[in-house]
C-alpha atoms as a PDB file:
ATOM      1  CA  UNK A   1       0.000   0.000   0.000  1.00  0.00           C
ATOM      2  CA  UNK A   2       1.438   3.382  -1.008  1.00  0.00           C
ATOM      3  CA  UNK A   3       2.231   5.934   1.661  1.00  0.00           C
ATOM      4  CA  UNK A   4      -0.057   8.956   1.190  1.00  0.00           C
ATOM      5  CA  UNK A   5       1.735  12.211   1.960  1.00  0.00           C
ATOM      6  CA  UNK A   6       0.489  15.804   2.064  1.00  0.00           C
ATOM      7  CA  UNK A   7       2.968  18.707   1.868  1.00  0.00           C
ATOM      8  CA  UNK A   8       1.629  22.202   2.510  1.00  0.00           C
ATOM      9  CA  UNK A   9       3.317  24.998   0.590  1.00  0.00           C
ATOM     10  CA  UNK A  10       4.698  22.476  -1.862  1.00  0.00           C
ATOM     11  CA  UNK A  11       4.863  24.463  -5.071  1.00  0.00           C
ATOM     12  CA  UNK A  12       8.345  25.981  -4.572  1.00  0.00           C
ATOM     13  CA  UNK A  13      11.577  25.633  -2.640  1.00  0.00           C
ATOM     14  CA  UNK A  14      11.915  23.057   0.105  1.00  0.00           C
ATOM     15  CA  UNK A  15       8.357  21.767  -0.287  1.00  0.00           C
ATOM     16  CA  UNK A  16       8.857  21.181  -4.008  1.00  0.00           C
ATOM     17  CA  UNK A  17      12.153  19.324  -3.503  1.00  0.00           C
ATOM     18  CA  UNK A  18      10.654  17.283  -0.644  1.00  0.00           C
ATOM     19  CA  UNK A  19       7.789  16.230  -2.923  1.00  0.00           C
ATOM     20  CA  UNK A  20      10.247  15.168  -5.620  1.00  0.00           C
ATOM     21  CA  UNK A  21      12.309  13.084  -3.217  1.00  0.00           C
ATOM     22  CA  UNK A  22       9.367  11.433  -1.461  1.00  0.00           C
ATOM     23  CA  UNK A  23       7.862  10.491  -4.814  1.00  0.00           C
ATOM     24  CA  UNK A  24      11.152   8.696  -5.503  1.00  0.00           C
ATOM     25  CA  UNK A  25      10.644   6.857  -2.197  1.00  0.00           C
ATOM     26  CA  UNK A  26       7.326   5.581  -3.567  1.00  0.00           C
ATOM     27  CA  UNK A  27       4.988   7.932  -1.707  1.00  0.00           C
ATOM     28  CA  UNK A  28       1.750   9.126  -3.276  1.00  0.00           C
ATOM     29  CA  UNK A  29       2.321  12.850  -2.785  1.00  0.00           C
ATOM     30  CA  UNK A  30      -0.175  15.691  -2.635  1.00  0.00           C
ATOM     31  CA  UNK A  31       1.220  19.209  -2.667  1.00  0.00           C
ATOM     32  CA  UNK A  32      -0.844  22.242  -1.755  1.00  0.00           C
ATOM     33  CA  UNK A  33      -0.458  25.980  -2.130  1.00  0.00           C
ATOM     34  CA  UNK A  34      -2.460  29.181  -1.898  1.00  0.00           C
ATOM     35  CA  UNK A  35      -1.955  29.934  -5.595  1.00  0.00           C
ATOM     36  CA  UNK A  36      -3.840  27.264  -7.535  1.00  0.00           C
ATOM     37  CA  UNK A  37      -2.282  28.003 -10.926  1.00  0.00           C
ATOM     38  CA  UNK A  38       1.285  27.833  -9.564  1.00  0.00           C
ATOM     39  CA  UNK A  39       0.441  24.724  -7.574  1.00  0.00           C
ATOM     40  CA  UNK A  40      -0.959  22.897 -10.594  1.00  0.00           C
ATOM     41  CA  UNK A  41       2.086  23.779 -12.706  1.00  0.00           C
ATOM     42  CA  UNK A  42       4.378  22.492  -9.946  1.00  0.00           C
ATOM     43  CA  UNK A  43       2.409  19.273  -9.448  1.00  0.00           C
ATOM     44  CA  UNK A  44       2.402  18.538 -13.173  1.00  0.00           C
ATOM     45  CA  UNK A  45       6.159  19.078 -13.443  1.00  0.00           C
ATOM     46  CA  UNK A  46       6.718  16.747 -10.472  1.00  0.00           C
ATOM     47  CA  UNK A  47       4.135  14.163 -11.496  1.00  0.00           C
ATOM     48  CA  UNK A  48       2.351  14.387  -8.130  1.00  0.00           C
ATOM     49  CA  UNK A  49      -1.190  15.308  -7.085  1.00  0.00           C
ATOM     50  CA  UNK A  50      -2.354  18.803  -6.183  1.00  0.00           C
ATOM     51  CA  UNK A  51      -4.934  20.043  -3.738  1.00  0.00           C
ATOM     52  CA  UNK A  52      -6.075  23.618  -3.123  1.00  0.00           C
ATOM     53  CA  UNK A  53      -5.330  24.477   0.496  1.00  0.00           C
ATOM     54  CA  UNK A  54      -4.728  27.859   2.089  1.00  0.00           C
ATOM     55  CA  UNK A  55      -3.395  27.275   5.613  1.00  0.00           C
ATOM     56  CA  UNK A  56      -4.763  30.671   6.717  1.00  0.00           C
ATOM     57  CA  UNK A  57      -8.346  29.754   5.751  1.00  0.00           C
ATOM     58  CA  UNK A  58     -10.112  27.224   7.965  1.00  0.00           C
ATOM     59  CA  UNK A  59     -12.793  26.452   5.362  1.00  0.00           C
ATOM     60  CA  UNK A  60     -10.130  25.794   2.719  1.00  0.00           C
ATOM     61  CA  UNK A  61      -8.266  23.366   5.006  1.00  0.00           C
ATOM     62  CA  UNK A  62     -11.485  21.543   5.946  1.00  0.00           C
ATOM     63  CA  UNK A  63     -12.468  21.176   2.276  1.00  0.00           C
ATOM     64  CA  UNK A  64      -9.026  19.818   1.371  1.00  0.00           C
ATOM     65  CA  UNK A  65      -9.262  17.228   4.151  1.00  0.00           C
ATOM     66  CA  UNK A  66     -12.683  16.137   2.918  1.00  0.00           C
ATOM     67  CA  UNK A  67     -11.395  15.814  -0.660  1.00  0.00           C
ATOM     68  CA  UNK A  68      -8.403  13.699   0.319  1.00  0.00           C
ATOM     69  CA  UNK A  69     -10.592  11.554   2.563  1.00  0.00           C
ATOM     70  CA  UNK A  70     -12.866  10.845  -0.414  1.00  0.00           C
ATOM     71  CA  UNK A  71      -9.924   9.984  -2.679  1.00  0.00           C
ATOM     72  CA  UNK A  72      -7.618   8.150  -0.276  1.00  0.00           C
ATOM     73  CA  UNK A  73      -9.513   7.417   2.938  1.00  0.00           C
ATOM     74  CA  UNK A  74      -6.492   8.428   5.015  1.00  0.00           C
ATOM     75  CA  UNK A  75      -3.114  10.132   4.982  1.00  0.00           C
ATOM     76  CA  UNK A  76       0.055   8.621   6.409  1.00  0.00           C
ATOM     77  CA  UNK A  77       2.398  11.614   6.447  1.00  0.00           C
ATOM     78  CA  UNK A  78       1.557  15.279   6.998  1.00  0.00           C
ATOM     79  CA  UNK A  79       4.356  17.762   6.340  1.00  0.00           C
ATOM     80  CA  UNK A  80       3.507  21.210   7.678  1.00  0.00           C
ATOM     81  CA  UNK A  81       5.879  23.099   5.401  1.00  0.00           C
ATOM     82  CA  UNK A  82       3.998  26.304   4.488  1.00  0.00           C
ATOM     83  CA  UNK A  83       5.701  29.350   5.976  1.00  0.00           C
ATOM     84  CA  UNK A  84       6.449  32.998   5.317  1.00  0.00           C
ATOM     85  CA  UNK A  85       9.422  35.093   6.459  1.00  0.00           C
ATOM     86  CA  UNK A  86       7.345  38.153   7.261  1.00  0.00           C
ATOM     87  CA  UNK A  87       8.390  41.799   6.985  1.00  0.00           C
ATOM     88  CA  UNK A  88      12.016  42.843   7.070  1.00  0.00           C
ATOM     89  CA  UNK A  89      11.896  45.392   9.859  1.00  0.00           C
ATOM     90  CA  UNK A  90      13.739  46.151  13.075  1.00  0.00           C
ATOM     91  CA  UNK A  91      12.143  44.633  16.192  1.00  0.00           C
ATOM     92  CA  UNK A  92      11.205  48.100  17.448  1.00  0.00           C
ATOM     93  CA  UNK A  93       9.282  48.727  14.218  1.00  0.00           C
ATOM     94  CA  UNK A  94       7.293  45.483  14.275  1.00  0.00           C
ATOM     95  CA  UNK A  95       3.600  45.895  15.020  1.00  0.00           C
ATOM     96  CA  UNK A  96       1.123  43.351  16.311  1.00  0.00           C
ATOM     97  CA  UNK A  97      -0.583  43.293  12.900  1.00  0.00           C
ATOM     98  CA  UNK A  98       2.710  42.366  11.212  1.00  0.00           C
ATOM     99  CA  UNK A  99       3.206  39.588  13.753  1.00  0.00           C
ATOM    100  CA  UNK A 100      -0.329  38.327  13.262  1.00  0.00           C
ATOM    101  CA  UNK A 101       0.217  37.855   9.541  1.00  0.00           C
ATOM    102  CA  UNK A 102       3.330  35.726  10.156  1.00  0.00           C
ATOM    103  CA  UNK A 103       1.728  33.694  12.947  1.00  0.00           C
ATOM    104  CA  UNK A 104      -1.406  33.100  10.878  1.00  0.00           C
ATOM    105  CA  UNK A 105       0.658  31.076   8.411  1.00  0.00           C
ATOM    106  CA  UNK A 106       3.572  29.742  10.461  1.00  0.00           C
ATOM    107  CA  UNK A 107       1.771  28.867  13.705  1.00  0.00           C
ATOM    108  CA  UNK A 108      -2.023  28.914  13.353  1.00  0.00           C
ATOM    109  CA  UNK A 109      -1.651  27.335   9.904  1.00  0.00           C
ATOM    110  CA  UNK A 110      -0.080  24.254  11.506  1.00  0.00           C
ATOM    111  CA  UNK A 111      -2.919  24.091  14.034  1.00  0.00           C
ATOM    112  CA  UNK A 112      -5.614  24.373  11.341  1.00  0.00           C
ATOM    113  CA  UNK A 113      -4.070  21.716   9.123  1.00  0.00           C
ATOM    114  CA  UNK A 114      -3.240  19.341  11.969  1.00  0.00           C
ATOM    115  CA  UNK A 115      -6.737  19.701  13.450  1.00  0.00           C
ATOM    116  CA  UNK A 116      -8.559  18.891  10.217  1.00  0.00           C
ATOM    117  CA  UNK A 117      -6.206  16.125   9.066  1.00  0.00           C
ATOM    118  CA  UNK A 118      -5.896  14.272  12.396  1.00  0.00           C
ATOM    119  CA  UNK A 119      -8.931  12.056  11.661  1.00  0.00           C
ATOM    120  CA  UNK A 120      -7.257  10.967   8.405  1.00  0.00           C
ATOM    121  CA  UNK A 121      -3.905  10.385  10.117  1.00  0.00           C
ATOM    122  CA  UNK A 122      -5.581   8.241  12.758  1.00  0.00           C
ATOM    123  CA  UNK A 123      -6.691   5.882   9.971  1.00  0.00           C
ATOM    124  CA  UNK A 124      -3.041   5.235   9.072  1.00  0.00           C
ATOM    125  CA  UNK A 125      -1.086   2.292  10.475  1.00  0.00           C
ATOM    126  CA  UNK A 126       2.068   4.417  10.815  1.00  0.00           C
ATOM    127  CA  UNK A 127       1.020   8.099  11.004  1.00  0.00           C
ATOM    128  CA  UNK A 128       3.721  10.766  10.887  1.00  0.00           C
ATOM    129  CA  UNK A 129       3.702  14.567  11.187  1.00  0.00           C
ATOM    130  CA  UNK A 130       6.735  16.672  10.286  1.00  0.00           C
ATOM    131  CA  UNK A 131       6.689  20.352  11.257  1.00  0.00           C
ATOM    132  CA  UNK A 132       9.173  22.427   9.279  1.00  0.00           C
ATOM    133  CA  UNK A 133      10.672  24.808  11.817  1.00  0.00           C
ATOM    134  CA  UNK A 134      14.001  26.647  11.681  1.00  0.00           C
ATOM    135  CA  UNK A 135      17.225  27.011  13.604  1.00  0.00           C
ATOM    136  CA  UNK A 136      16.044  30.602  13.982  1.00  0.00           C
ATOM    137  CA  UNK A 137      13.358  29.232  16.292  1.00  0.00           C
ATOM    138  CA  UNK A 138      15.902  27.461  18.506  1.00  0.00           C
ATOM    139  CA  UNK A 139      16.867  29.292  21.691  1.00  0.00           C
ATOM    140  CA  UNK A 140      20.091  27.274  21.777  1.00  0.00           C
ATOM    141  CA  UNK A 141      21.074  28.240  18.230  1.00  0.00           C
ATOM    142  CA  UNK A 142      20.214  31.957  18.350  1.00  0.00           C
ATOM    143  CA  UNK A 143      22.065  32.375  21.668  1.00  0.00           C
ATOM    144  CA  UNK A 144      25.196  30.582  20.426  1.00  0.00           C
ATOM    145  CA  UNK A 145      27.581  33.197  18.968  1.00  0.00           C
ATOM    146  CA  UNK A 146      29.245  30.498  16.858  1.00  0.00           C
ATOM    147  CA  UNK A 147      26.004  29.807  14.956  1.00  0.00           C
ATOM    148  CA  UNK A 148      24.779  31.747  11.929  1.00  0.00           C
ATOM    149  CA  UNK A 149      21.349  31.980  13.577  1.00  0.00           C
ATOM    150  CA  UNK A 150      22.770  34.269  16.285  1.00  0.00           C
ATOM    151  CA  UNK A 151      23.392  36.972  13.679  1.00  0.00           C
ATOM    152  CA  UNK A 152      19.709  37.300  12.735  1.00  0.00           C
ATOM    153  CA  UNK A 153      17.158  39.397  14.640  1.00  0.00           C
ATOM    154  CA  UNK A 154      13.774  38.703  13.052  1.00  0.00           C
ATOM    155  CA  UNK A 155      11.196  39.173  15.786  1.00  0.00           C
ATOM    156  CA  UNK A 156       8.171  37.789  13.943  1.00  0.00           C
ATOM    157  CA  UNK A 157       9.784  34.865  12.132  1.00  0.00           C
ATOM    158  CA  UNK A 158      12.051  33.656  14.946  1.00  0.00           C
ATOM    159  CA  UNK A 159       9.315  33.768  17.577  1.00  0.00           C
ATOM    160  CA  UNK A 160       6.849  32.022  15.248  1.00  0.00           C
ATOM    161  CA  UNK A 161       9.300  29.169  14.692  1.00  0.00           C
ATOM    162  CA  UNK A 162       9.945  28.905  18.439  1.00  0.00           C
ATOM    163  CA  UNK A 163       6.182  28.445  18.791  1.00  0.00           C
ATOM    164  CA  UNK A 164       6.327  25.621  16.223  1.00  0.00           C
ATOM    165  CA  UNK A 165       8.732  23.820  18.545  1.00  0.00           C
ATOM    166  CA  UNK A 166       6.303  23.941  21.445  1.00  0.00           C
ATOM    167  CA  UNK A 167       3.395  22.919  19.207  1.00  0.00           C
ATOM    168  CA  UNK A 168       5.421  19.878  18.192  1.00  0.00           C
ATOM    169  CA  UNK A 169       6.189  18.863  21.778  1.00  0.00           C
ATOM    170  CA  UNK A 170       2.603  19.337  22.966  1.00  0.00           C
ATOM    171  CA  UNK A 171       1.096  17.415  20.038  1.00  0.00           C
ATOM    172  CA  UNK A 172       3.658  14.629  20.521  1.00  0.00           C
ATOM    173  CA  UNK A 173       2.744  14.328  24.217  1.00  0.00           C
ATOM    174  CA  UNK A 174      -0.985  14.333  23.457  1.00  0.00           C
ATOM    175  CA  UNK A 175      -0.851  11.920  20.489  1.00  0.00           C
ATOM    176  CA  UNK A 176       1.650   9.161  21.321  1.00  0.00           C
ATOM    177  CA  UNK A 177       0.303   6.967  18.522  1.00  0.00           C
ATOM    178  CA  UNK A 178       1.601   9.484  15.936  1.00  0.00           C
ATOM    179  CA  UNK A 179       5.301  10.229  15.310  1.00  0.00           C
ATOM    180  CA  UNK A 180       5.476  14.057  15.482  1.00  0.00           C
ATOM    181  CA  UNK A 181       8.783  15.852  15.000  1.00  0.00           C
ATOM    182  CA  UNK A 182      10.118  19.308  14.133  1.00  0.00           C
ATOM    183  CA  UNK A 183      12.999  19.824  11.734  1.00  0.00           C
ATOM    184  CA  UNK A 184      15.379  22.636  10.871  1.00  0.00           C
ATOM    185  CA  UNK A 185      16.227  22.624   7.155  1.00  0.00           C
ATOM    186  CA  UNK A 186      19.315  24.730   7.850  1.00  0.00           C
ATOM    187  CA  UNK A 187      20.366  27.890   5.977  1.00  0.00           C
ATOM    188  CA  UNK A 188      19.192  27.077   2.467  1.00  0.00           C
ATOM    189  CA  UNK A 189      18.910  29.285  -0.602  1.00  0.00           C
ATOM    190  CA  UNK A 190      15.299  28.741  -1.673  1.00  0.00           C
ATOM    191  CA  UNK A 191      14.563  31.891  -3.640  1.00  0.00           C
ATOM    192  CA  UNK A 192      14.117  35.628  -3.392  1.00  0.00           C
ATOM    193  CA  UNK A 193      12.846  35.698   0.187  1.00  0.00           C
ATOM    194  CA  UNK A 194      15.485  33.295   1.576  1.00  0.00           C
ATOM    195  CA  UNK A 195      18.709  34.004  -0.300  1.00  0.00           C
ATOM    196  CA  UNK A 196      21.334  33.883   2.431  1.00  0.00           C
ATOM    197  CA  UNK A 197      21.562  30.111   2.480  1.00  0.00           C
ATOM    198  CA  UNK A 198      24.770  28.142   2.178  1.00  0.00           C
ATOM    199  CA  UNK A 199      23.179  24.722   1.652  1.00  0.00           C
ATOM    200  CA  UNK A 200      21.848  23.216  -1.555  1.00  0.00           C
ATOM    201  CA  UNK A 201      18.117  22.663  -1.835  1.00  0.00           C
ATOM    202  CA  UNK A 202      18.701  18.910  -1.496  1.00  0.00           C
ATOM    203  CA  UNK A 203      20.702  19.363   1.717  1.00  0.00           C
ATOM    204  CA  UNK A 204      17.891  21.569   2.976  1.00  0.00           C
ATOM    205  CA  UNK A 205      15.413  18.711   2.608  1.00  0.00           C
ATOM    206  CA  UNK A 206      17.573  15.975   4.182  1.00  0.00           C
ATOM    207  CA  UNK A 207      16.052  16.355   7.658  1.00  0.00           C
ATOM    208  CA  UNK A 208      12.440  16.512   6.491  1.00  0.00           C
ATOM    209  CA  UNK A 209      12.835  13.489   4.202  1.00  0.00           C
ATOM    210  CA  UNK A 210      14.451  11.512   7.012  1.00  0.00           C
ATOM    211  CA  UNK A 211      11.607  12.287   9.420  1.00  0.00           C
ATOM    212  CA  UNK A 212       8.923  11.746   6.757  1.00  0.00           C
ATOM    213  CA  UNK A 213      10.142   8.192   6.148  1.00  0.00           C
ATOM    214  CA  UNK A 214      10.303   6.862   9.722  1.00  0.00           C
ATOM    215  CA  UNK A 215       8.000   4.078  10.915  1.00  0.00           C
ATOM    216  CA  UNK A 216       6.188   3.587  14.206  1.00  0.00           C
ATOM    217  CA  UNK A 217       9.467   2.730  15.943  1.00  0.00           C
ATOM    218  CA  UNK A 218      10.873   6.166  15.023  1.00  0.00           C
ATOM    219  CA  UNK A 219      11.363   9.121  17.353  1.00  0.00           C
ATOM    220  CA  UNK A 220       8.691  11.571  18.386  1.00  0.00           C
ATOM    221  CA  UNK A 221       8.836  15.011  19.998  1.00  0.00           C
ATOM    222  CA  UNK A 222      12.307  15.766  18.627  1.00  0.00           C
ATOM    223  CA  UNK A 223      13.982  18.718  16.884  1.00  0.00           C
ATOM    224  CA  UNK A 224      16.651  17.810  14.330  1.00  0.00           C
ATOM    225  CA  UNK A 225      18.593  19.174  11.405  1.00  0.00           C
ATOM    226  CA  UNK A 226      20.452  17.186   8.765  1.00  0.00           C
ATOM    227  CA  UNK A 227      23.266  16.469  11.243  1.00  0.00           C
ATOM    228  CA  UNK A 228      21.087  15.294  14.138  1.00  0.00           C
ATOM    229  CA  UNK A 229      19.435  16.638  17.302  1.00  0.00           C
ATOM    230  CA  UNK A 230      19.600  20.389  17.898  1.00  0.00           C
ATOM    231  CA  UNK A 231      18.615  22.352  21.022  1.00  0.00           C
ATOM    232  CA  UNK A 232      15.126  23.748  21.471  1.00  0.00           C
END
């Protein structure tokens, strides 16, 4: 039986490369995006399925879950990949409205998608959730002067990714039957909004692919990058 995998924000960058690699692993992959035309073009070029899903719109997420339930009956792997960097502004210039926009995608988006897809995951024999976080959400990394993350001060993005870490831990504690882990892709050049990366796009997907292909004996409640465990 093929592993059914959903990747949010899968039409570009890390999500796109993750879809390509998991298809090679034999997964039946669905990618989603806010922009339907871009998503369909991406899915056709990858040879994977596409579903309309805007993580900031509860009705859109619910409809996507219903559609996949009709087609597949379940999903085995959910990769919460959709994320935005938010405005480039000094911390003192950030407003609550700016923060809300970032959290709506990066934090509340994970909650919406997880909430509506949990019934489908519970129908899987080996359900897995991978939350794409960032080393910029790690207290240990941003406070370590030897790490590249310590040189960045992005109030909205960093705090949203720190929240993803706690979401991961709390879901993992509440749902022991599901393997739920957070990953840090590492500093990867994925396009105009993230161009300071030093890793290739493939290196940037190593951690997510590893955690998306574990079985029920795999870890849960962890935070890793391509080299292994990193601090929360």
